[in-house]
Protein backbone atom coordinates (compact mmCIF):
# COMPACT_ATOMS: atom_id res chain seq x y z
CA UNK A 1 11.87 -27.63 20.56
CA UNK A 2 9.06 -24.97 20.06
CA UNK A 3 8.82 -21.58 19.62
CA UNK A 4 8.60 -19.44 22.74
CA UNK A 5 5.19 -17.86 21.37
CA UNK A 6 4.15 -15.65 24.26
CA UNK A 7 7.95 -14.41 23.70
CA UNK A 8 7.53 -14.18 20.24
CA UNK A 9 4.49 -12.10 20.26
CA UNK A 10 5.79 -9.95 23.12
CA UNK A 11 8.64 -8.91 20.71
CA UNK A 12 6.28 -8.35 17.85
CA UNK A 13 4.16 -5.91 19.85
CA UNK A 14 4.23 -2.16 18.68
CA UNK A 15 6.06 -3.33 15.15
CA UNK A 16 2.72 -5.07 13.40
CA UNK A 17 2.52 -2.27 10.68
CA UNK A 18 6.37 -2.84 10.05
CA UNK A 19 5.95 -6.62 9.99
CA UNK A 20 2.73 -7.04 7.73
CA UNK A 21 4.41 -4.27 5.31
CA UNK A 22 7.36 -6.54 5.46
CA UNK A 23 5.12 -9.68 4.21
CA UNK A 24 3.73 -7.78 1.61
CA UNK A 25 0.94 -5.77 2.40
CA UNK A 26 0.66 -2.40 1.19
CA UNK A 27 1.87 -0.08 3.83
CA UNK A 28 -0.43 2.99 2.13
CA UNK A 29 -3.66 0.46 2.56
CA UNK A 30 -3.25 -0.93 5.78
CA UNK A 31 -2.74 2.37 8.69
CA UNK A 32 -5.60 4.28 9.68
CA UNK A 33 -7.92 3.15 6.57
CA UNK A 34 -11.17 2.03 6.90
CA UNK A 35 -13.43 0.73 3.95
CA UNK A 36 -10.64 0.43 1.27
CA UNK A 37 -10.37 -2.18 -1.16
CA UNK A 38 -8.85 -5.62 0.16
CA UNK A 39 -5.50 -5.94 -0.98
CA UNK A 40 -5.75 -9.77 -1.20
CA UNK A 41 -9.41 -10.03 -2.79
CA UNK A 42 -9.35 -6.85 -4.50
CA UNK A 43 -13.03 -6.26 -3.27
CA UNK A 44 -14.29 -2.46 -2.86
CA UNK A 45 -15.17 -1.09 0.33
CA UNK A 46 -14.11 -4.28 2.27
CA UNK A 47 -11.06 -4.03 4.09
CA UNK A 48 -10.44 -2.60 7.32
CA UNK A 49 -7.67 -2.18 9.96
CA UNK A 50 -8.60 -1.85 13.47
CA UNK A 51 -7.35 0.53 16.02
CA UNK A 52 -3.93 -0.17 17.41
CA UNK A 53 -2.82 -1.76 14.61
CA UNK A 54 0.93 -1.36 15.52
CA UNK A 55 0.44 -2.99 19.02
CA UNK A 56 -1.82 -5.92 17.73
CA UNK A 57 -1.92 -6.34 13.98
CA UNK A 58 -5.35 -6.84 13.31
CA UNK A 59 -6.79 -5.87 9.91
CA UNK A 60 -10.43 -7.52 8.36
CA UNK A 61 -11.64 -8.16 4.98
CA UNK A 62 -15.57 -8.49 4.96
CA UNK A 63 -15.34 -11.15 2.39
CA UNK A 64 -12.24 -13.22 2.71
CA UNK A 65 -11.02 -12.67 6.28
CA UNK A 66 -13.53 -12.40 8.69
CA UNK A 67 -15.23 -14.09 11.89
CA UNK A 68 -16.72 -17.16 9.59
CA UNK A 69 -13.28 -17.76 7.66
CA UNK A 70 -10.39 -19.61 8.75
CA UNK A 71 -8.23 -18.25 9.88
CA UNK A 72 -10.31 -15.14 11.44
CA UNK A 73 -8.97 -12.24 12.60
CA UNK A 74 -7.70 -11.91 15.91
CA UNK A 75 -4.29 -10.99 16.17
CA UNK A 76 -1.18 -10.20 13.75
CA UNK A 77 -0.46 -14.01 13.71
CA UNK A 78 -4.00 -14.55 12.39
CA UNK A 79 -3.50 -11.46 9.68
CA UNK A 80 -0.04 -13.05 8.76
CA UNK A 81 -1.94 -16.70 8.40
CA UNK A 82 -4.56 -15.32 6.31
CA UNK A 83 -2.31 -12.82 4.30
CA UNK A 84 0.50 -15.64 3.60
CA UNK A 85 -2.07 -18.40 3.09
CA UNK A 86 -0.57 -20.48 5.95
CA UNK A 87 -1.22 -22.66 8.87
CA UNK A 88 -0.28 -21.16 12.68
CA UNK A 89 2.99 -22.96 12.50
CA UNK A 90 3.85 -21.36 9.04
CA UNK A 91 2.95 -18.09 10.47
CA UNK A 92 4.97 -18.89 13.63
CA UNK A 93 8.01 -19.75 11.80
CA UNK A 94 7.68 -16.91 9.24
CA UNK A 95 7.21 -14.35 12.05
CA UNK A 96 10.35 -15.90 13.85
CA UNK A 97 12.52 -15.40 11.04
CA UNK A 98 11.30 -12.04 10.49
CA UNK A 99 12.15 -11.18 14.04
CA UNK A 100 15.41 -13.11 14.01
CA UNK A 101 14.70 -15.60 17.29
CA UNK A 102 16.29 -18.74 17.43
CA UNK A 103 14.07 -22.01 17.75
CA UNK A 104 12.74 -22.42 21.20
CA UNK A 105 13.34 -18.97 23.18
CA UNK A 106 12.52 -15.42 21.68
CA UNK A 107 16.09 -14.38 21.52
CA UNK A 108 16.85 -12.20 18.36
CA UNK A 109 19.27 -13.63 16.16
CA UNK A 110 19.00 -11.84 12.78
CA UNK A 111 16.93 -8.61 12.82
CA UNK A 112 15.61 -7.16 9.54
CA UNK A 113 13.14 -4.57 9.80
CA UNK A 114 11.85 -3.42 6.13
CA UNK A 115 9.73 -3.85 3.40
CA UNK A 116 11.21 -6.61 1.36
CA UNK A 117 14.47 -8.62 2.95
CA UNK A 118 17.16 -9.76 0.28
CA UNK A 119 20.36 -9.57 -0.69
CA UNK A 120 19.66 -7.56 -3.71
CA UNK A 121 22.89 -8.62 -5.43
CA UNK A 122 22.30 -6.87 -8.63
CA UNK A 123 20.66 -3.61 -7.24
CA UNK A 124 17.99 -1.90 -9.19
CA UNK A 125 19.54 1.51 -10.75
CA UNK A 126 16.01 3.04 -9.77
CA UNK A 127 16.50 3.04 -6.84
CA UNK A 128 19.62 5.73 -7.31
CA UNK A 129 17.75 7.61 -9.73
CA UNK A 130 14.63 8.12 -7.12
CA UNK A 131 16.79 8.71 -4.28
CA UNK A 132 18.65 11.38 -6.58
CA UNK A 133 15.36 13.26 -7.87
CA UNK A 134 13.97 13.51 -4.40
CA UNK A 135 17.13 14.81 -3.31
CA UNK A 136 17.37 17.48 -6.03
CA UNK A 137 13.62 18.48 -5.68
CA UNK A 138 14.05 19.27 -1.93
CA UNK A 139 14.03 23.03 -1.60
CA UNK A 140 16.55 24.32 0.34
CA UNK A 141 14.05 25.89 2.93
CA UNK A 142 12.46 22.81 3.55
CA UNK A 143 15.54 20.67 4.14
CA UNK A 144 16.84 23.60 6.51
CA UNK A 145 13.31 23.02 8.28
CA UNK A 146 13.82 19.20 8.45
CA UNK A 147 17.19 19.54 9.81
CA UNK A 148 15.69 21.95 12.87
CA UNK A 149 13.04 19.69 13.70
CA UNK A 150 15.68 17.16 13.89
CA UNK A 151 18.11 19.73 15.77
CA UNK A 152 20.87 18.94 13.48
CA UNK A 153 22.77 20.81 10.82
CA UNK A 154 21.42 20.84 7.07
CA UNK A 155 25.26 19.52 6.19
CA UNK A 156 24.49 16.39 7.71
CA UNK A 157 21.38 15.78 6.05
CA UNK A 158 23.09 16.50 2.50
CA UNK A 159 25.98 14.11 3.35
CA UNK A 160 23.24 11.45 3.63
CA UNK A 161 21.45 13.16 0.27
CA UNK A 162 18.08 13.28 2.38
CA UNK A 163 15.36 14.35 -0.03
CA UNK A 164 11.73 15.02 -0.05
CA UNK A 165 8.98 12.26 -1.03
CA UNK A 166 6.21 14.14 -2.65
CA UNK A 167 4.13 10.97 -3.14
CA UNK A 168 4.54 10.20 0.51
CA UNK A 169 4.88 13.79 2.08
CA UNK A 170 8.32 12.60 4.13
CA UNK A 171 12.02 13.02 3.82
CA UNK A 172 13.83 10.24 1.82
CA UNK A 173 17.04 8.61 3.32
CA UNK A 174 18.68 6.40 0.89
CA UNK A 175 20.28 2.68 2.05
CA UNK A 176 22.96 1.25 0.62
CA UNK A 177 24.82 -1.92 0.33
CA UNK A 178 28.55 -2.41 1.45
CA UNK A 179 29.68 -0.99 -1.72
CA UNK A 180 27.73 2.10 -1.51
CA UNK A 181 24.83 0.90 -4.14
CA UNK A 182 21.35 2.54 -3.27
CA UNK A 183 19.17 -0.43 -2.65
CA UNK A 184 16.20 1.09 -1.38
CA UNK A 185 14.55 4.33 0.28
CA UNK A 186 13.28 4.60 4.04
CA UNK A 187 10.93 7.25 4.57
CA UNK A 188 10.49 9.39 7.88
CA UNK A 189 7.41 12.15 8.38
CA UNK A 190 8.67 15.23 9.51
CA UNK A 191 5.63 15.96 11.61
CA UNK A 192 4.73 12.82 13.32
CA UNK A 193 8.40 10.81 12.87
CA UNK A 194 6.60 7.68 11.47
CA UNK A 195 9.32 5.78 9.93
CA UNK A 196 8.92 3.03 6.83
CA UNK A 197 10.25 2.44 3.55
CA UNK A 198 9.35 2.46 -0.03
CA UNK A 199 7.57 -0.76 -1.09
CA UNK A 200 10.31 -3.15 -2.76
CA UNK A 201 13.26 -1.81 -0.98
CA UNK A 202 15.80 -3.61 0.84
CA UNK A 203 17.06 -3.12 4.24
CA UNK A 204 20.20 -1.17 4.01
CA UNK A 205 23.00 1.01 5.55
CA UNK A 206 22.34 4.17 6.03
CA UNK A 207 26.02 6.25 4.93
CA UNK A 208 27.33 8.43 2.40
CA UNK A 209 30.11 7.24 -0.39
CA UNK A 210 32.60 9.24 0.95
CA UNK A 211 33.47 7.79 4.17
CA UNK A 212 37.08 7.51 4.94
CA UNK A 213 39.43 4.78 4.95
CA UNK A 214 41.88 4.06 7.87
CA UNK A 215 39.54 5.97 10.48
CA UNK A 216 37.29 4.32 13.36
CA UNK A 217 33.82 3.58 12.20
CA UNK A 218 31.31 4.49 14.34
CA UNK A 219 27.77 2.77 14.39
CA UNK A 220 24.64 4.05 15.15
CA UNK A 221 20.85 2.71 14.73
CA UNK A 222 18.87 4.34 12.15
CA UNK A 223 19.34 7.39 9.59
CA UNK A 224 18.94 10.48 12.26
CA UNK A 225 21.16 9.24 14.59
CA UNK A 226 23.88 8.39 11.95
CA UNK A 227 23.32 12.13 10.95
CA UNK A 228 23.46 13.15 14.35
CA UNK A 229 27.23 11.51 14.26
CA UNK A 230 28.27 13.39 10.87
CA UNK A 231 26.98 16.86 12.78
CA UNK A 232 30.15 16.37 15.25
CA UNK A 233 32.36 15.17 12.49
CA UNK A 234 32.34 11.45 13.27
CA UNK A 235 32.52 9.02 10.29
CA UNK A 236 29.81 6.47 10.70
CA UNK A 237 27.24 4.04 9.30
CA UNK A 238 23.86 3.64 10.26
CA UNK A 239 21.70 0.02 10.33
CA UNK A 240 18.36 -0.21 9.70
CA UNK A 241 17.54 -1.30 13.06
CA UNK A 242 19.02 -3.07 16.01
CA UNK A 243 22.12 -5.54 15.05
CA UNK A 244 20.43 -5.47 11.47
CA UNK A 245 22.79 -6.10 8.39
CA UNK A 246 25.74 -6.42 10.92
CA UNK A 247 27.39 -8.67 8.31
CA UNK A 248 27.54 -5.68 6.18
CA UNK A 249 28.94 -3.61 8.53
CA UNK A 250 31.80 -5.86 9.04
CA UNK A 251 32.26 -5.56 5.20
CA UNK A 252 32.26 -2.18 5.49
CA UNK A 253 34.87 -2.22 8.08
CA UNK A 254 37.52 -4.41 6.30
CA UNK A 255 37.00 -2.49 3.06
CA UNK A 256 37.70 0.84 4.77
CA UNK A 257 40.56 -0.87 7.00
CA UNK A 258 38.89 0.66 9.82
CA UNK A 259 41.44 0.57 13.12
CA UNK A 260 38.32 -0.01 15.00
CA UNK A 261 34.40 -0.08 15.26
CA UNK A 262 32.66 1.95 18.05
CA UNK A 263 28.94 0.54 18.42
CA UNK A 264 26.52 3.48 19.84
CA UNK A 265 23.82 1.31 21.12
CA UNK A 266 20.70 2.70 22.29
CA UNK A 267 19.53 2.19 26.34
CA UNK A 268 16.99 -0.34 25.53
CA UNK A 269 17.17 -4.38 25.56
CA UNK A 270 17.19 -4.01 21.32
CA UNK A 271 20.13 -1.66 21.71
CA UNK A 272 21.87 -4.52 23.94
CA UNK A 273 21.07 -7.01 21.81
CA UNK A 274 21.80 -5.49 18.46
CA UNK A 275 25.47 -4.20 20.02
CA UNK A 276 25.82 -8.15 20.59
CA UNK A 277 25.27 -9.08 16.97
CA UNK A 278 27.39 -6.04 15.77
CA UNK A 279 30.50 -7.32 18.06
CA UNK A 280 30.20 -10.93 16.93
CA UNK A 281 30.37 -9.97 13.43
CA UNK A 282 33.08 -7.02 13.33
CA UNK A 283 35.23 -8.40 16.07
CA UNK A 284 36.82 -10.67 13.31
CA UNK A 285 37.69 -7.73 11.42
CA UNK A 286 39.11 -5.35 13.95
CA UNK A 287 38.80 -4.17 17.68
CA UNK A 288 35.21 -3.26 18.88
CA UNK A 289 33.69 -1.25 21.64
CA UNK A 290 30.35 -0.43 22.41
CA UNK A 291 29.36 2.72 24.24
CA UNK A 292 25.79 4.17 25.65
CA UNK A 293 24.50 7.62 25.63
CA UNK A 294 24.53 8.88 29.31
CA UNK A 295 21.91 7.97 32.13
CA UNK A 296 18.42 8.99 30.90
CA UNK A 297 19.29 9.75 27.51
CA UNK A 298 17.64 7.47 24.62
CA UNK A 299 19.91 7.62 21.83
CA UNK A 300 22.90 9.23 20.46
CA UNK A 301 20.75 12.02 18.46
CA UNK A 302 19.23 12.94 22.00
CA UNK A 303 22.83 12.84 23.27
CA UNK A 304 24.48 15.08 20.75
CA UNK A 305 21.30 17.56 20.42
CA UNK A 306 21.72 17.93 24.24
CA UNK A 307 25.26 19.33 24.12
CA UNK A 308 27.65 16.25 23.36
CA UNK A 309 30.46 16.75 21.03
CA UNK A 310 33.00 14.51 19.36
CA UNK A 311 35.34 14.80 22.24
CA UNK A 312 32.41 13.47 24.67
CA UNK A 313 31.87 10.39 22.43
CA UNK A 314 35.75 9.60 22.09
CA UNK A 315 36.01 9.78 25.77
CA UNK A 316 33.30 7.72 26.42
CA UNK A 317 34.70 5.30 23.98
CA UNK A 318 38.25 5.37 25.45
CA UNK A 319 36.79 3.96 28.59
CA UNK A 320 35.19 1.43 27.12
CA UNK A 321 36.77 -2.12 27.00
CA UNK A 322 37.98 -3.00 23.68
CA UNK A 323 36.49 -6.35 22.20
CA UNK A 324 38.85 -8.25 19.71
CA UNK A 325 39.52 -11.79 18.55
CA UNK A 326 42.81 -13.17 20.13
CA UNK A 327 44.41 -16.35 18.21
CA UNK A 328 47.13 -18.25 20.03
CA UNK A 329 49.28 -20.79 18.24
CA UNK A 330 50.36 -24.16 19.85
CA UNK A 331 53.31 -25.82 18.69
């Protein structure tokens, strides 16, 4: 069965910076740059990213990727073909796997959205060292300013070990595996809110190392939503994108002996599909509830900054149906 290419391209729209970076293009060389050395052939003053890169994914090299080459620039899929050195079928397969779609239809199955996707079962200790250094080097007034921009208390950022990455002029958010080991670092521009990751990072969970056992495990999407949960005293974990690392959340819930998992899903299609993945992964461990912010509220951070407290979220969770795996034995 053929992949639904129009549906696939629709899912990719707006995410081409992330997609091309995940394919290996250096993020600092493709966004808003013209006349740069080509990251593939190395030619000086040959490479450019077209306007609207996130939407269209079009890049160009005057020497190795132009109107006379095969493939030639035109859209993000052509850029993938050129960069990966594959044909159209190979680029479609790579993109489908990255976006997490099943063969035949653009239905997300496994969503990973970071620079490099791998298990990293032997995490490189450099990530923890970098995260610690950036945390220590962030002046207290800067951290207070970053917290103020997010509408959150400084303590919530401190618990996640948020630091300052001077090379990128962004805040740094460590990502961890289920055992708490740092496997990569996510970055966030405090001015534009642009999000990306340090090259070589693996997509991981956003959480502290001191999560309490025996407590409900709240799940949010992204680091700032996770920090918002901590700001009202709820223990939780953030996934790198909707539904990503659902199996790791399940492993964490098992290790912490969580009585239930509560997924706070964004009010969009991606949030709904990500919640479904989390339910499927965690329902074998404990009961799972899915809740959403109120009408007109985009995500849990907006919900909390708008005045919701832990009791408000618990009340919504208590009213949500609990999904659990029931096993019946037949004699």
